[in-house]
N, C-alpha and C. Protein backbone atom coordinates (compact mmCIF):
# COMPACT_ATOMS: atom_id res chain seq x y z
N MET A 1 76.54 -53.97 36.83
CA MET A 1 76.70 -54.59 35.53
C MET A 1 77.59 -53.74 34.64
N VAL A 2 77.33 -52.42 34.64
CA VAL A 2 78.11 -51.50 33.81
C VAL A 2 79.58 -51.56 34.21
N TRP A 3 79.86 -51.67 35.52
CA TRP A 3 81.24 -51.72 35.99
C TRP A 3 81.94 -52.98 35.53
N LYS A 4 81.22 -54.08 35.49
CA LYS A 4 81.81 -55.33 35.01
C LYS A 4 82.20 -55.21 33.54
N ILE A 5 81.33 -54.59 32.75
CA ILE A 5 81.61 -54.41 31.31
C ILE A 5 82.80 -53.46 31.14
N LEU A 6 82.79 -52.36 31.89
CA LEU A 6 83.90 -51.41 31.80
C LEU A 6 85.21 -52.06 32.23
N SER A 7 85.16 -52.83 33.29
CA SER A 7 86.37 -53.52 33.76
C SER A 7 86.89 -54.50 32.70
N ALA A 8 85.98 -55.22 32.08
CA ALA A 8 86.37 -56.16 31.03
C ALA A 8 86.99 -55.43 29.85
N LEU A 9 86.44 -54.28 29.47
CA LEU A 9 86.98 -53.50 28.35
C LEU A 9 88.36 -52.94 28.69
N ILE A 10 88.53 -52.47 29.92
CA ILE A 10 89.82 -51.94 30.34
C ILE A 10 90.87 -53.06 30.32
N LEU A 11 90.51 -54.23 30.83
CA LEU A 11 91.42 -55.36 30.83
C LEU A 11 91.78 -55.75 29.40
N ALA A 12 90.79 -55.81 28.52
CA ALA A 12 91.04 -56.16 27.12
C ALA A 12 91.95 -55.13 26.47
N GLY A 13 91.73 -53.85 26.77
CA GLY A 13 92.58 -52.80 26.22
C GLY A 13 94.01 -52.93 26.70
N ALA A 14 94.18 -53.28 27.97
CA ALA A 14 95.53 -53.46 28.52
C ALA A 14 96.23 -54.64 27.85
N LEU A 15 95.50 -55.70 27.59
CA LEU A 15 96.11 -56.87 26.96
C LEU A 15 96.49 -56.61 25.51
N LEU A 16 95.82 -55.69 24.86
CA LEU A 16 96.10 -55.40 23.46
C LEU A 16 97.03 -54.22 23.28
N SER A 17 97.41 -53.57 24.36
CA SER A 17 98.24 -52.37 24.26
C SER A 17 99.67 -52.73 23.90
N PRO A 18 100.46 -51.75 23.40
CA PRO A 18 101.86 -52.00 23.08
C PRO A 18 102.66 -52.46 24.30
N ALA A 19 102.32 -52.00 25.48
CA ALA A 19 103.05 -52.43 26.68
C ALA A 19 102.92 -53.93 26.86
N HIS A 20 101.75 -54.49 26.53
CA HIS A 20 101.59 -55.94 26.65
C HIS A 20 102.48 -56.65 25.65
N GLY A 21 102.65 -56.08 24.46
CA GLY A 21 103.56 -56.66 23.47
C GLY A 21 104.97 -56.78 24.02
N GLN A 22 105.37 -55.78 24.82
CA GLN A 22 106.70 -55.82 25.41
C GLN A 22 106.80 -56.94 26.46
N THR A 23 105.71 -57.19 27.20
CA THR A 23 105.77 -58.28 28.16
C THR A 23 105.84 -59.62 27.43
N LEU A 24 105.20 -59.70 26.25
CA LEU A 24 105.30 -60.93 25.47
C LEU A 24 106.72 -61.12 24.94
N LEU A 25 107.42 -60.02 24.71
CA LEU A 25 108.80 -60.10 24.24
C LEU A 25 109.71 -60.69 25.30
N MET A 26 109.44 -60.42 26.54
CA MET A 26 110.36 -60.79 27.60
C MET A 26 110.78 -62.26 27.59
N PRO A 27 109.87 -63.23 27.58
CA PRO A 27 110.33 -64.62 27.59
C PRO A 27 111.18 -64.96 26.37
N LEU A 28 110.79 -64.52 25.18
CA LEU A 28 111.59 -64.80 23.99
C LEU A 28 112.93 -64.09 24.05
N ALA A 29 112.91 -62.85 24.50
CA ALA A 29 114.15 -62.08 24.60
C ALA A 29 115.11 -62.76 25.58
N GLN A 30 114.58 -63.16 26.73
CA GLN A 30 115.43 -63.82 27.71
C GLN A 30 116.01 -65.12 27.16
N GLN A 31 115.24 -65.84 26.37
CA GLN A 31 115.73 -67.09 25.78
C GLN A 31 116.77 -66.82 24.70
N ALA A 32 116.63 -65.71 23.99
CA ALA A 32 117.54 -65.41 22.88
C ALA A 32 118.87 -64.82 23.35
N VAL A 33 118.87 -64.15 24.49
CA VAL A 33 120.09 -63.52 24.98
C VAL A 33 121.13 -64.59 25.28
N GLY A 34 122.33 -64.39 24.76
CA GLY A 34 123.43 -65.32 24.98
C GLY A 34 124.31 -65.40 23.74
N VAL A 35 125.18 -66.39 23.73
CA VAL A 35 126.09 -66.59 22.60
C VAL A 35 125.66 -67.84 21.86
N TRP A 36 125.56 -67.72 20.53
CA TRP A 36 125.04 -68.78 19.68
C TRP A 36 126.04 -69.12 18.57
N ALA A 37 126.22 -70.40 18.31
CA ALA A 37 127.04 -70.87 17.20
C ALA A 37 126.14 -71.04 15.99
N ASP A 38 126.60 -70.52 14.84
CA ASP A 38 125.80 -70.70 13.64
C ASP A 38 125.82 -72.18 13.23
N GLU A 39 124.95 -72.53 12.30
CA GLU A 39 124.76 -73.93 11.91
C GLU A 39 126.03 -74.59 11.38
N ASN A 40 126.87 -73.81 10.70
CA ASN A 40 128.09 -74.36 10.11
C ASN A 40 129.27 -74.37 11.07
N GLY A 41 129.12 -73.72 12.22
CA GLY A 41 130.22 -73.64 13.17
C GLY A 41 131.29 -72.65 12.76
N ASP A 42 130.93 -71.72 11.85
CA ASP A 42 131.89 -70.74 11.36
C ASP A 42 132.01 -69.51 12.25
N SER A 43 130.96 -69.22 13.02
CA SER A 43 130.98 -68.01 13.84
C SER A 43 130.09 -68.16 15.06
N ASN A 44 130.36 -67.34 16.05
CA ASN A 44 129.51 -67.23 17.24
C ASN A 44 128.99 -65.80 17.29
N ILE A 45 127.70 -65.67 17.59
CA ILE A 45 127.03 -64.39 17.65
C ILE A 45 126.51 -64.18 19.07
N LYS A 46 126.84 -63.04 19.65
CA LYS A 46 126.33 -62.70 20.98
C LYS A 46 125.12 -61.81 20.81
N ILE A 47 123.98 -62.28 21.33
CA ILE A 47 122.75 -61.50 21.30
C ILE A 47 122.54 -60.90 22.69
N ALA A 48 122.33 -59.58 22.70
CA ALA A 48 122.21 -58.85 23.96
C ALA A 48 121.28 -57.65 23.76
N PRO A 49 120.74 -57.13 24.87
CA PRO A 49 119.91 -55.93 24.76
C PRO A 49 120.70 -54.74 24.22
N CYS A 50 120.03 -53.95 23.39
CA CYS A 50 120.59 -52.66 22.95
C CYS A 50 119.41 -51.72 22.76
N GLY A 51 119.29 -50.77 23.65
CA GLY A 51 118.12 -49.89 23.64
C GLY A 51 116.88 -50.69 23.99
N GLN A 52 115.81 -50.50 23.23
CA GLN A 52 114.55 -51.19 23.47
C GLN A 52 114.47 -52.54 22.77
N ALA A 53 115.53 -52.93 22.09
CA ALA A 53 115.51 -54.15 21.28
C ALA A 53 116.69 -55.05 21.66
N LEU A 54 116.94 -56.04 20.84
CA LEU A 54 118.12 -56.90 20.96
C LEU A 54 118.97 -56.72 19.72
N CYS A 55 120.27 -56.87 19.88
CA CYS A 55 121.21 -56.81 18.77
C CYS A 55 122.16 -57.99 18.87
N GLY A 56 122.90 -58.24 17.81
CA GLY A 56 123.86 -59.35 17.81
C GLY A 56 125.17 -58.96 17.16
N ASN A 57 126.26 -59.33 17.83
CA ASN A 57 127.60 -59.04 17.33
C ASN A 57 128.38 -60.34 17.15
N VAL A 58 129.27 -60.34 16.16
CA VAL A 58 130.17 -61.47 15.94
C VAL A 58 131.22 -61.44 17.04
N VAL A 59 131.31 -62.52 17.82
CA VAL A 59 132.28 -62.57 18.93
C VAL A 59 133.35 -63.65 18.74
N TRP A 60 133.19 -64.48 17.72
CA TRP A 60 134.18 -65.52 17.44
C TRP A 60 134.05 -65.95 15.98
N LEU A 61 135.19 -66.17 15.35
CA LEU A 61 135.22 -66.69 13.99
C LEU A 61 136.14 -67.90 13.93
N LYS A 62 135.70 -68.93 13.25
CA LYS A 62 136.53 -70.12 13.07
C LYS A 62 137.80 -69.76 12.31
N ALA A 63 137.65 -68.91 11.31
CA ALA A 63 138.78 -68.44 10.51
C ALA A 63 138.81 -66.91 10.59
N PRO A 64 139.44 -66.34 11.63
CA PRO A 64 139.38 -64.90 11.84
C PRO A 64 140.29 -64.08 10.92
N THR A 65 141.17 -64.76 10.18
CA THR A 65 142.09 -64.03 9.32
C THR A 65 141.88 -64.42 7.86
N ASP A 66 142.31 -63.53 6.97
CA ASP A 66 142.22 -63.82 5.53
C ASP A 66 143.46 -64.59 5.08
N ASP A 67 143.62 -64.76 3.78
CA ASP A 67 144.74 -65.53 3.24
C ASP A 67 146.10 -64.91 3.53
N THR A 68 146.12 -63.60 3.81
CA THR A 68 147.39 -62.93 4.10
C THR A 68 147.71 -62.91 5.59
N GLY A 69 146.80 -63.46 6.40
CA GLY A 69 147.02 -63.48 7.85
C GLY A 69 146.48 -62.26 8.57
N ARG A 70 145.83 -61.37 7.83
CA ARG A 70 145.25 -60.17 8.45
C ARG A 70 143.82 -60.47 8.90
N PRO A 71 143.34 -59.75 9.93
CA PRO A 71 141.96 -59.95 10.37
C PRO A 71 140.99 -59.74 9.21
N LYS A 72 139.97 -60.62 9.12
CA LYS A 72 138.96 -60.49 8.08
C LYS A 72 138.21 -59.18 8.24
N THR A 73 137.97 -58.55 7.10
CA THR A 73 137.23 -57.30 7.10
C THR A 73 135.95 -57.46 6.28
N ASP A 74 135.12 -56.45 6.36
CA ASP A 74 133.80 -56.45 5.73
C ASP A 74 133.93 -56.11 4.24
N ILE A 75 134.69 -56.92 3.50
CA ILE A 75 135.07 -56.60 2.12
C ILE A 75 133.90 -56.58 1.13
N ASN A 76 132.79 -57.19 1.46
CA ASN A 76 131.65 -57.23 0.54
C ASN A 76 130.62 -56.14 0.80
N ASN A 77 130.92 -55.24 1.73
CA ASN A 77 129.97 -54.18 2.05
C ASN A 77 129.79 -53.27 0.85
N PRO A 78 128.53 -52.94 0.49
CA PRO A 78 128.31 -52.05 -0.65
C PRO A 78 128.88 -50.65 -0.43
N ASP A 79 129.05 -50.25 0.82
CA ASP A 79 129.65 -48.95 1.14
C ASP A 79 131.16 -49.15 1.24
N GLU A 80 131.89 -48.66 0.27
CA GLU A 80 133.34 -48.89 0.22
C GLU A 80 134.06 -48.40 1.46
N THR A 81 133.54 -47.36 2.13
CA THR A 81 134.21 -46.84 3.32
C THR A 81 134.12 -47.80 4.50
N LEU A 82 133.18 -48.76 4.45
CA LEU A 82 133.01 -49.72 5.55
C LEU A 82 133.75 -51.04 5.30
N ARG A 83 134.38 -51.18 4.18
CA ARG A 83 135.03 -52.45 3.85
C ARG A 83 136.27 -52.74 4.68
N VAL A 84 136.78 -51.76 5.40
CA VAL A 84 137.97 -51.96 6.22
C VAL A 84 137.64 -52.37 7.66
N ARG A 85 136.37 -52.31 8.03
CA ARG A 85 136.03 -52.64 9.42
C ARG A 85 136.13 -54.15 9.64
N PRO A 86 136.64 -54.55 10.78
CA PRO A 86 136.81 -55.98 11.07
C PRO A 86 135.46 -56.69 11.21
N VAL A 87 135.39 -57.93 10.76
CA VAL A 87 134.18 -58.74 10.93
C VAL A 87 134.02 -59.12 12.40
N LEU A 88 135.13 -59.44 13.06
CA LEU A 88 135.08 -59.78 14.48
C LEU A 88 134.65 -58.53 15.25
N GLY A 89 133.55 -58.62 15.97
CA GLY A 89 132.99 -57.49 16.70
C GLY A 89 131.89 -56.76 15.96
N LEU A 90 131.70 -57.09 14.69
CA LEU A 90 130.71 -56.43 13.85
C LEU A 90 129.29 -56.70 14.33
N LYS A 91 128.48 -55.62 14.41
CA LYS A 91 127.06 -55.78 14.73
C LYS A 91 126.38 -56.24 13.44
N ILE A 92 125.82 -57.47 13.48
CA ILE A 92 125.16 -57.99 12.29
C ILE A 92 123.65 -58.13 12.47
N ILE A 93 123.19 -58.09 13.73
CA ILE A 93 121.75 -58.21 14.01
C ILE A 93 121.32 -56.94 14.74
N ALA A 94 120.21 -56.36 14.27
CA ALA A 94 119.71 -55.13 14.90
C ALA A 94 118.19 -55.14 14.96
N GLY A 95 117.67 -54.43 15.95
CA GLY A 95 116.24 -54.17 16.04
C GLY A 95 115.35 -55.36 16.33
N LEU A 96 115.86 -56.39 16.99
CA LEU A 96 115.02 -57.55 17.30
C LEU A 96 113.94 -57.18 18.31
N MET A 97 112.69 -57.35 17.88
CA MET A 97 111.53 -57.08 18.73
C MET A 97 110.52 -58.20 18.52
N PHE A 98 109.59 -58.34 19.45
CA PHE A 98 108.58 -59.38 19.34
C PHE A 98 107.67 -59.11 18.16
N ASP A 99 107.42 -60.13 17.35
CA ASP A 99 106.51 -60.06 16.20
C ASP A 99 105.34 -60.98 16.48
N PRO A 100 104.18 -60.42 16.88
CA PRO A 100 103.04 -61.27 17.23
C PRO A 100 102.50 -62.09 16.05
N ASP A 101 102.73 -61.63 14.83
CA ASP A 101 102.25 -62.37 13.67
C ASP A 101 102.95 -63.72 13.51
N ASN A 102 104.21 -63.79 13.94
CA ASN A 102 105.00 -65.01 13.79
C ASN A 102 105.39 -65.65 15.12
N SER A 103 104.97 -65.05 16.23
CA SER A 103 105.39 -65.51 17.56
C SER A 103 106.90 -65.72 17.60
N SER A 104 107.60 -64.71 17.13
CA SER A 104 109.06 -64.79 17.07
C SER A 104 109.64 -63.40 17.33
N LEU A 105 110.95 -63.34 17.34
CA LEU A 105 111.63 -62.06 17.38
C LEU A 105 111.93 -61.69 15.93
N LYS A 106 111.68 -60.43 15.58
CA LYS A 106 111.90 -59.99 14.20
C LYS A 106 112.83 -58.80 14.21
N GLY A 107 113.76 -58.80 13.27
CA GLY A 107 114.69 -57.68 13.13
C GLY A 107 115.35 -57.73 11.77
N LYS A 108 116.57 -57.24 11.71
CA LYS A 108 117.36 -57.23 10.48
C LYS A 108 118.70 -57.91 10.76
N VAL A 109 119.21 -58.59 9.73
CA VAL A 109 120.53 -59.20 9.84
C VAL A 109 121.36 -58.79 8.63
N TYR A 110 122.60 -58.43 8.89
CA TYR A 110 123.55 -58.10 7.84
C TYR A 110 124.41 -59.32 7.60
N ASN A 111 124.51 -59.74 6.34
CA ASN A 111 125.34 -60.88 5.97
C ASN A 111 126.64 -60.36 5.36
N ALA A 112 127.72 -60.46 6.11
CA ALA A 112 129.02 -59.96 5.64
C ALA A 112 129.53 -60.77 4.45
N ASP A 113 129.02 -61.98 4.25
CA ASP A 113 129.46 -62.79 3.10
C ASP A 113 129.01 -62.22 1.77
N ASP A 114 127.82 -61.54 1.76
CA ASP A 114 127.34 -60.98 0.49
C ASP A 114 127.03 -59.48 0.58
N GLY A 115 127.19 -58.89 1.76
CA GLY A 115 126.97 -57.45 1.91
C GLY A 115 125.52 -57.03 1.87
N LYS A 116 124.60 -57.96 2.10
CA LYS A 116 123.17 -57.64 2.02
C LYS A 116 122.52 -57.71 3.41
N VAL A 117 121.40 -56.99 3.53
CA VAL A 117 120.61 -56.97 4.76
C VAL A 117 119.33 -57.75 4.50
N TYR A 118 118.98 -58.62 5.44
CA TYR A 118 117.81 -59.49 5.31
C TYR A 118 116.88 -59.28 6.49
N ASP A 119 115.58 -59.57 6.29
CA ASP A 119 114.66 -59.66 7.42
C ASP A 119 115.05 -60.90 8.22
N LEU A 120 114.95 -60.81 9.53
CA LEU A 120 115.38 -61.90 10.39
C LEU A 120 114.26 -62.28 11.35
N TYR A 121 114.06 -63.58 11.51
CA TYR A 121 113.09 -64.11 12.46
C TYR A 121 113.80 -65.13 13.33
N LEU A 122 113.72 -64.95 14.64
CA LEU A 122 114.35 -65.88 15.59
C LEU A 122 113.29 -66.52 16.45
N LYS A 123 113.42 -67.84 16.63
CA LYS A 123 112.54 -68.58 17.53
C LYS A 123 113.41 -69.43 18.45
N PRO A 124 113.80 -68.86 19.60
CA PRO A 124 114.62 -69.63 20.54
C PRO A 124 113.80 -70.70 21.23
N LYS A 125 114.42 -71.87 21.38
CA LYS A 125 113.78 -73.01 22.04
C LYS A 125 114.83 -73.74 22.86
N GLY A 126 115.09 -73.23 24.05
CA GLY A 126 116.07 -73.85 24.92
C GLY A 126 117.48 -73.67 24.40
N GLN A 127 118.15 -74.78 24.09
CA GLN A 127 119.55 -74.74 23.66
C GLN A 127 119.73 -74.57 22.16
N VAL A 128 118.62 -74.49 21.42
CA VAL A 128 118.69 -74.26 19.98
C VAL A 128 117.78 -73.08 19.62
N MET A 129 118.02 -72.52 18.44
CA MET A 129 117.22 -71.41 17.98
C MET A 129 117.05 -71.53 16.47
N GLU A 130 115.79 -71.45 16.04
CA GLU A 130 115.50 -71.42 14.61
C GLU A 130 115.75 -70.00 14.12
N VAL A 131 116.58 -69.88 13.09
CA VAL A 131 116.97 -68.58 12.56
C VAL A 131 116.60 -68.55 11.08
N GLU A 132 115.71 -67.62 10.72
CA GLU A 132 115.28 -67.52 9.34
C GLU A 132 115.60 -66.13 8.81
N GLY A 133 116.32 -66.09 7.69
CA GLY A 133 116.63 -64.83 7.01
C GLY A 133 115.89 -64.80 5.69
N CYS A 134 115.25 -63.66 5.40
CA CYS A 134 114.45 -63.55 4.18
C CYS A 134 114.78 -62.27 3.42
N LEU A 135 114.82 -62.39 2.11
CA LEU A 135 114.96 -61.26 1.23
C LEU A 135 113.63 -61.08 0.51
N LEU A 136 113.02 -59.93 0.67
CA LEU A 136 111.73 -59.61 0.06
C LEU A 136 110.62 -60.58 0.47
N GLN A 137 110.75 -61.19 1.62
CA GLN A 137 109.73 -62.10 2.17
C GLN A 137 109.46 -63.33 1.30
N ILE A 138 110.24 -63.54 0.26
CA ILE A 138 109.99 -64.71 -0.60
C ILE A 138 111.20 -65.63 -0.67
N LEU A 139 112.39 -65.08 -0.59
CA LEU A 139 113.59 -65.90 -0.61
C LEU A 139 114.10 -66.04 0.81
N CYS A 140 113.82 -67.18 1.42
CA CYS A 140 114.16 -67.39 2.82
C CYS A 140 115.08 -68.58 2.98
N ASP A 141 115.92 -68.51 4.01
CA ASP A 141 116.80 -69.62 4.37
C ASP A 141 116.72 -69.78 5.89
N THR A 142 116.61 -71.01 6.32
CA THR A 142 116.48 -71.29 7.76
C THR A 142 117.68 -72.10 8.23
N GLN A 143 118.20 -71.72 9.39
CA GLN A 143 119.28 -72.45 10.05
C GLN A 143 118.86 -72.74 11.48
N THR A 144 119.57 -73.66 12.10
CA THR A 144 119.42 -73.92 13.53
C THR A 144 120.74 -73.56 14.19
N TRP A 145 120.67 -72.60 15.10
CA TRP A 145 121.85 -72.20 15.86
C TRP A 145 121.80 -72.92 17.22
N THR A 146 122.98 -73.13 17.78
CA THR A 146 123.12 -73.82 19.06
C THR A 146 123.72 -72.88 20.10
N ARG A 147 123.14 -72.91 21.29
CA ARG A 147 123.65 -72.05 22.36
C ARG A 147 125.04 -72.50 22.79
N VAL A 148 125.95 -71.53 22.86
CA VAL A 148 127.30 -71.76 23.35
C VAL A 148 127.35 -71.44 24.84
N ARG A 149 126.70 -70.33 25.20
CA ARG A 149 126.58 -69.93 26.61
C ARG A 149 125.51 -68.89 26.76
């Protein structure tokens, strides 16, 4: 009887351990990996593993150049030294990990349009993905992205 109780406790501990959280990440991570078109069709973001998490880089822009014909740069970045870096190729999503509270992937997203960083929640569902960005957990905006590949 004691062995059955101990076995049950060990199993419960394994299911609640951080390693189990990583196994829960796997299906969502696998679904999120790929190239996604934003809701407006203005950009494509490639989500891929980076370290222990997922990250996302801009891999295509509908309008890759500014009014002068030069590649668009990160002109709204609060750090003036970063305003010259090109938007194409820019890492805008970082640290995506499984969030058990929301059954989603949670990380940070940088918005080059306003130079701000937002909390990010991704819920991939086949060929679409619900993307929610929040500032201070109260001002949130949700988009639906579509898988490109």
